Protein backbone atom coordinates (compact mmCIF):
# COMPACT_ATOMS: atom_id res chain seq x y z
CA UNK A 1 63.87 59.43 105.30
CA UNK A 2 66.51 61.27 103.26
CA UNK A 3 65.71 64.92 102.65
CA UNK A 4 64.49 65.67 99.11
CA UNK A 5 66.20 69.08 98.91
CA UNK A 6 69.55 70.47 99.96
CA UNK A 7 68.83 73.83 101.55
CA UNK A 8 71.38 75.78 103.56
CA UNK A 9 69.69 76.80 106.83
CA UNK A 10 69.14 80.51 107.29
CA UNK A 11 71.80 82.05 109.50
CA UNK A 12 74.05 78.97 109.47
CA UNK A 13 77.76 79.51 108.92
CA UNK A 14 80.45 77.03 107.90
CA UNK A 15 81.96 75.59 111.07
CA UNK A 16 84.99 73.41 111.82
CA UNK A 17 84.71 71.21 114.90
CA UNK A 18 87.66 70.62 117.18
CA UNK A 19 88.20 69.54 120.79
CA UNK A 20 87.51 70.08 123.55
CA UNK A 21 83.94 70.79 122.31
CA UNK A 22 83.08 68.72 119.26
CA UNK A 23 79.38 69.24 118.83
CA UNK A 24 77.44 70.43 115.80
CA UNK A 25 74.45 72.57 116.70
CA UNK A 26 73.35 73.53 113.19
CA UNK A 27 70.26 72.45 111.31
CA UNK A 28 71.44 70.47 108.29
CA UNK A 29 69.58 67.22 107.68
CA UNK A 30 71.10 63.84 108.45
CA UNK A 31 70.66 62.14 105.05
CA UNK A 32 69.92 63.53 101.60
CA UNK A 33 68.50 61.99 98.45
CA UNK A 34 71.59 61.20 96.32
CA UNK A 35 69.81 62.50 93.20
CA UNK A 36 70.37 66.01 94.59
CA UNK A 37 74.05 65.59 93.70
CA UNK A 38 74.15 64.54 90.02
CA UNK A 39 77.93 65.00 89.91
CA UNK A 40 78.15 61.70 91.83
CA UNK A 41 76.60 59.71 88.98
CA UNK A 42 80.00 58.42 87.72
CA UNK A 43 80.23 56.39 90.95
CA UNK A 44 76.93 54.69 90.21
CA UNK A 45 77.71 54.18 86.53
CA UNK A 46 81.07 52.57 87.29
CA UNK A 47 80.60 50.92 90.67
CA UNK A 48 81.26 47.42 89.35
CA UNK A 49 84.53 48.56 87.80
CA UNK A 50 85.53 50.09 91.13
CA UNK A 51 84.77 46.84 92.91
CA UNK A 52 86.57 44.74 90.29
CA UNK A 53 89.74 46.80 90.61
CA UNK A 54 89.78 46.38 94.39
CA UNK A 55 89.07 42.64 94.18
CA UNK A 56 91.78 42.21 91.52
CA UNK A 57 94.27 44.12 93.65
CA UNK A 58 93.62 41.93 96.67
CA UNK A 59 93.76 38.79 94.53
CA UNK A 60 97.28 39.62 93.37
CA UNK A 61 98.66 41.73 96.24
CA UNK A 62 96.78 40.44 99.27
CA UNK A 63 94.60 42.32 101.73
CA UNK A 64 95.06 46.06 101.33
CA UNK A 65 97.43 47.49 103.92
CA UNK A 66 100.41 49.80 104.30
CA UNK A 67 99.20 52.19 101.60
CA UNK A 68 99.16 55.42 103.55
CA UNK A 69 96.29 53.83 105.39
CA UNK A 70 94.95 55.24 108.60
CA UNK A 71 93.16 53.74 111.56
CA UNK A 72 90.75 56.32 112.97
CA UNK A 73 90.78 56.59 116.78
CA UNK A 74 87.00 56.12 116.87
CA UNK A 75 87.36 52.44 115.98
CA UNK A 76 87.00 50.06 118.89
CA UNK A 77 89.21 47.31 117.43
CA UNK A 78 91.84 49.28 115.51
CA UNK A 79 90.87 47.55 112.27
CA UNK A 80 88.89 50.09 110.28
CA UNK A 81 91.15 50.78 107.29
CA UNK A 82 91.00 53.81 105.05
CA UNK A 83 93.11 53.62 101.92
CA UNK A 84 93.57 57.29 101.10
CA UNK A 85 93.42 58.53 97.54
CA UNK A 86 92.73 62.16 98.36
CA UNK A 87 92.31 63.92 101.69
CA UNK A 88 90.74 67.35 101.17
CA UNK A 89 92.74 67.98 97.97
CA UNK A 90 95.88 66.43 99.47
CA UNK A 91 96.59 63.75 96.89
CA UNK A 92 98.13 60.37 97.74
CA UNK A 93 99.80 59.95 94.38
CA UNK A 94 101.17 56.44 94.96
CA UNK A 95 97.72 55.11 95.77
CA UNK A 96 96.13 56.93 92.85
CA UNK A 97 98.60 55.16 90.56
CA UNK A 98 97.77 51.79 92.14
CA UNK A 99 94.09 52.24 91.27
CA UNK A 100 93.89 53.84 87.81
CA UNK A 101 90.25 52.92 87.21
CA UNK A 102 89.13 54.39 90.51
CA UNK A 103 91.27 57.45 89.88
CA UNK A 104 89.68 58.01 86.48
CA UNK A 105 86.20 57.89 88.02
CA UNK A 106 87.13 60.30 90.82
CA UNK A 107 88.44 62.75 88.24
CA UNK A 108 84.97 62.86 86.67
CA UNK A 109 83.58 64.43 89.86
CA UNK A 110 84.63 68.10 89.66
CA UNK A 111 83.91 69.00 93.27
CA UNK A 112 85.37 65.84 94.84
CA UNK A 113 87.87 66.79 97.54
CA UNK A 114 88.20 63.54 99.50
CA UNK A 115 88.28 59.90 98.41
CA UNK A 116 89.11 56.72 100.30
CA UNK A 117 88.54 53.00 100.01
CA UNK A 118 86.99 52.03 103.32
CA UNK A 119 87.27 48.45 104.54
CA UNK A 120 85.40 47.43 107.67
CA UNK A 121 86.29 43.94 108.98
CA UNK A 122 83.78 41.53 110.49
CA UNK A 123 82.34 42.26 113.91
CA UNK A 124 83.71 45.79 114.08
CA UNK A 125 81.91 48.86 115.43
CA UNK A 126 82.89 52.43 114.70
CA UNK A 127 81.96 54.56 117.69
CA UNK A 128 79.85 57.72 117.31
CA UNK A 129 81.91 60.67 116.09
CA UNK A 130 81.54 63.89 114.11
CA UNK A 131 83.23 65.05 110.94
CA UNK A 132 85.06 68.34 110.89
CA UNK A 133 82.81 70.63 108.89
CA UNK A 134 79.28 71.28 107.67
CA UNK A 135 80.76 72.62 104.44
CA UNK A 136 81.09 69.06 103.16
CA UNK A 137 78.60 66.46 101.90
CA UNK A 138 79.73 62.86 102.27
CA UNK A 139 78.80 60.08 99.86
CA UNK A 140 79.19 56.32 100.25
CA UNK A 141 79.10 54.11 97.16
CA UNK A 142 78.55 50.53 98.29
CA UNK A 143 80.85 47.97 96.65
CA UNK A 144 80.72 44.80 98.77
CA UNK A 145 78.06 44.64 101.47
CA UNK A 146 77.99 41.35 103.38
CA UNK A 147 74.61 41.83 105.05
CA UNK A 148 71.65 44.23 105.08
CA UNK A 149 70.73 46.50 107.98
CA UNK A 150 70.71 46.20 110.89
CA UNK A 151 73.62 43.72 110.70
CA UNK A 152 75.68 46.09 108.56
CA UNK A 153 74.62 49.73 108.76
CA UNK A 154 75.36 53.39 109.40
CA UNK A 155 73.49 55.65 111.79
CA UNK A 156 73.51 59.46 111.56
CA UNK A 157 71.78 61.16 114.46
CA UNK A 158 68.83 58.88 115.16
CA UNK A 159 68.40 57.70 111.56
CA UNK A 160 69.81 54.34 110.43
CA UNK A 161 70.40 53.08 106.90
CA UNK A 162 71.95 50.01 105.38
CA UNK A 163 74.03 49.96 102.22
CA UNK A 164 73.00 48.42 98.91
CA UNK A 165 75.66 47.45 96.41
CA UNK A 166 75.88 49.93 93.56
CA UNK A 167 73.84 52.57 95.37
CA UNK A 168 74.74 55.82 97.08
CA UNK A 169 74.16 57.15 100.56
CA UNK A 170 74.68 60.88 101.05
CA UNK A 171 74.74 62.56 104.44
CA UNK A 172 76.07 65.47 106.47
CA UNK A 173 79.35 64.32 107.95
CA UNK A 174 79.38 66.95 110.70
CA UNK A 175 76.37 65.31 112.36
CA UNK A 176 77.27 62.65 114.89
CA UNK A 177 77.38 59.26 113.19
CA UNK A 178 78.47 55.67 113.73
CA UNK A 179 78.70 52.48 111.69
CA UNK A 180 79.11 48.77 112.22
CA UNK A 181 79.66 45.47 110.47
CA UNK A 182 78.40 42.60 112.59
CA UNK A 183 78.59 40.05 109.79
CA UNK A 184 81.29 37.44 109.21
CA UNK A 185 82.72 39.14 106.12
CA UNK A 186 84.50 42.39 105.20
CA UNK A 187 82.52 45.42 104.06
CA UNK A 188 83.88 47.57 101.21
CA UNK A 189 82.70 51.03 100.28
CA UNK A 190 84.20 54.10 98.70
CA UNK A 191 83.89 57.36 100.58
CA UNK A 192 83.68 60.56 98.57
CA UNK A 193 83.35 64.08 99.97
CA UNK A 194 82.13 66.91 97.79
CA UNK A 195 81.85 70.64 98.32
CA UNK A 196 78.24 71.67 97.61
CA UNK A 197 77.72 73.85 94.55
CA UNK A 198 76.91 76.93 96.63
CA UNK A 199 80.39 76.79 98.18
CA UNK A 200 82.47 75.72 95.17
CA UNK A 201 84.19 79.13 95.15
CA UNK A 202 85.41 78.41 98.70
CA UNK A 203 86.77 74.92 98.02
CA UNK A 204 90.42 75.68 98.81
CA UNK A 205 89.45 77.51 102.01
CA UNK A 206 87.23 74.65 103.17
CA UNK A 207 89.89 72.02 102.43
CA UNK A 208 92.72 73.97 104.08
CA UNK A 209 90.63 74.58 107.20
CA UNK A 210 89.55 70.93 107.33
CA UNK A 211 93.17 69.84 107.21
CA UNK A 212 94.22 72.52 109.67
CA UNK A 213 91.53 71.35 112.07
CA UNK A 214 92.51 67.69 111.57
CA UNK A 215 96.14 68.54 112.30
CA UNK A 216 95.12 70.21 115.54
CA UNK A 217 92.88 67.27 116.47
CA UNK A 218 95.72 64.77 116.04
CA UNK A 219 98.05 66.84 118.22
CA UNK A 220 95.33 67.35 120.82
CA UNK A 221 94.79 63.58 121.06
CA UNK A 222 98.51 62.84 121.39
CA UNK A 223 99.60 65.69 123.65
CA UNK A 224 97.01 66.23 126.35
CA UNK A 225 98.72 69.33 127.75
CA UNK A 226 97.37 71.18 124.72
CA UNK A 227 93.93 70.92 126.28
CA UNK A 228 95.10 73.11 129.15
CA UNK A 229 96.07 75.96 126.85
CA UNK A 230 93.70 78.92 126.40
CA UNK A 231 91.12 78.73 123.64
CA UNK A 232 92.83 81.66 121.89
CA UNK A 233 95.97 79.53 121.54
CA UNK A 234 93.90 76.69 120.08
CA UNK A 235 92.43 79.07 117.53
CA UNK A 236 95.87 80.40 116.63
CA UNK A 237 97.19 76.86 116.15
CA UNK A 238 94.31 75.91 113.84
CA UNK A 239 94.74 79.13 111.87
CA UNK A 240 98.48 78.51 111.49
CA UNK A 241 98.01 74.92 110.34
CA UNK A 242 95.32 76.04 107.89
CA UNK A 243 97.66 78.64 106.37
CA UNK A 244 100.29 75.94 105.89
CA UNK A 245 97.82 73.71 104.07
CA UNK A 246 96.52 76.61 102.00
CA UNK A 247 100.08 77.18 100.74
CA UNK A 248 101.05 73.52 100.43
CA UNK A 249 98.04 72.02 98.64
CA UNK A 250 98.50 73.75 95.26
CA UNK A 251 102.16 72.67 95.23
CA UNK A 252 101.63 69.10 96.42
CA UNK A 253 98.90 68.37 93.90
CA UNK A 254 101.46 68.88 91.12
CA UNK A 255 104.29 66.86 92.67
CA UNK A 256 103.28 63.49 91.29
CA UNK A 257 106.35 61.70 92.70
CA UNK A 258 105.16 62.17 96.31
């Protein structure tokens, strides 16, 4: 059952997972009652408008693709599409302009730092994986759900939930999680990450470190020799990438032509 309070565990610090050891050992719950995050209400109030804009786009433009999309390496069939709107304050301005209704709803969530349209094709499994940081709460707003659980579902730790159209799921992304769509139709959700109220003053730090960690993770996956380097070098690389993002994000967010 989703936890009915969001309490930061005593002694827990914000962590950022990276290889070679990607394991969260903290004590945050798997799922939380969405009512604990009232700032997400615009998603619920406008979910049909979000869905209509996506359906209208595909009706006129075809299946969404080639929009700064990204196929996560945890997907077994290389078909899980994320259409990025914002990636830890890194704005994808072209996509934001393509979806003005969705953009207007996102802008109503003051602590939103990440937003994607997530499309999971039929008979696709996303393997278990962890998010980067416990300093983030992830929300799913269900838009088109082809089947109830267990046919179409997400599992965090040992707890499984299905999606219901127009309703939210909120969970701790750093916990190991997986998802699947074993129906014959595509599943559409929007993914929103927020920084919890207690850490709002650290938003830029959390986003820069998330992006710095993600940059390291991509390089680690592509260039295996990096794994042979000392841990101190890994830490220096992550710190350097994080500094870059800390400097770049405030500039990029204002360059609307990117």
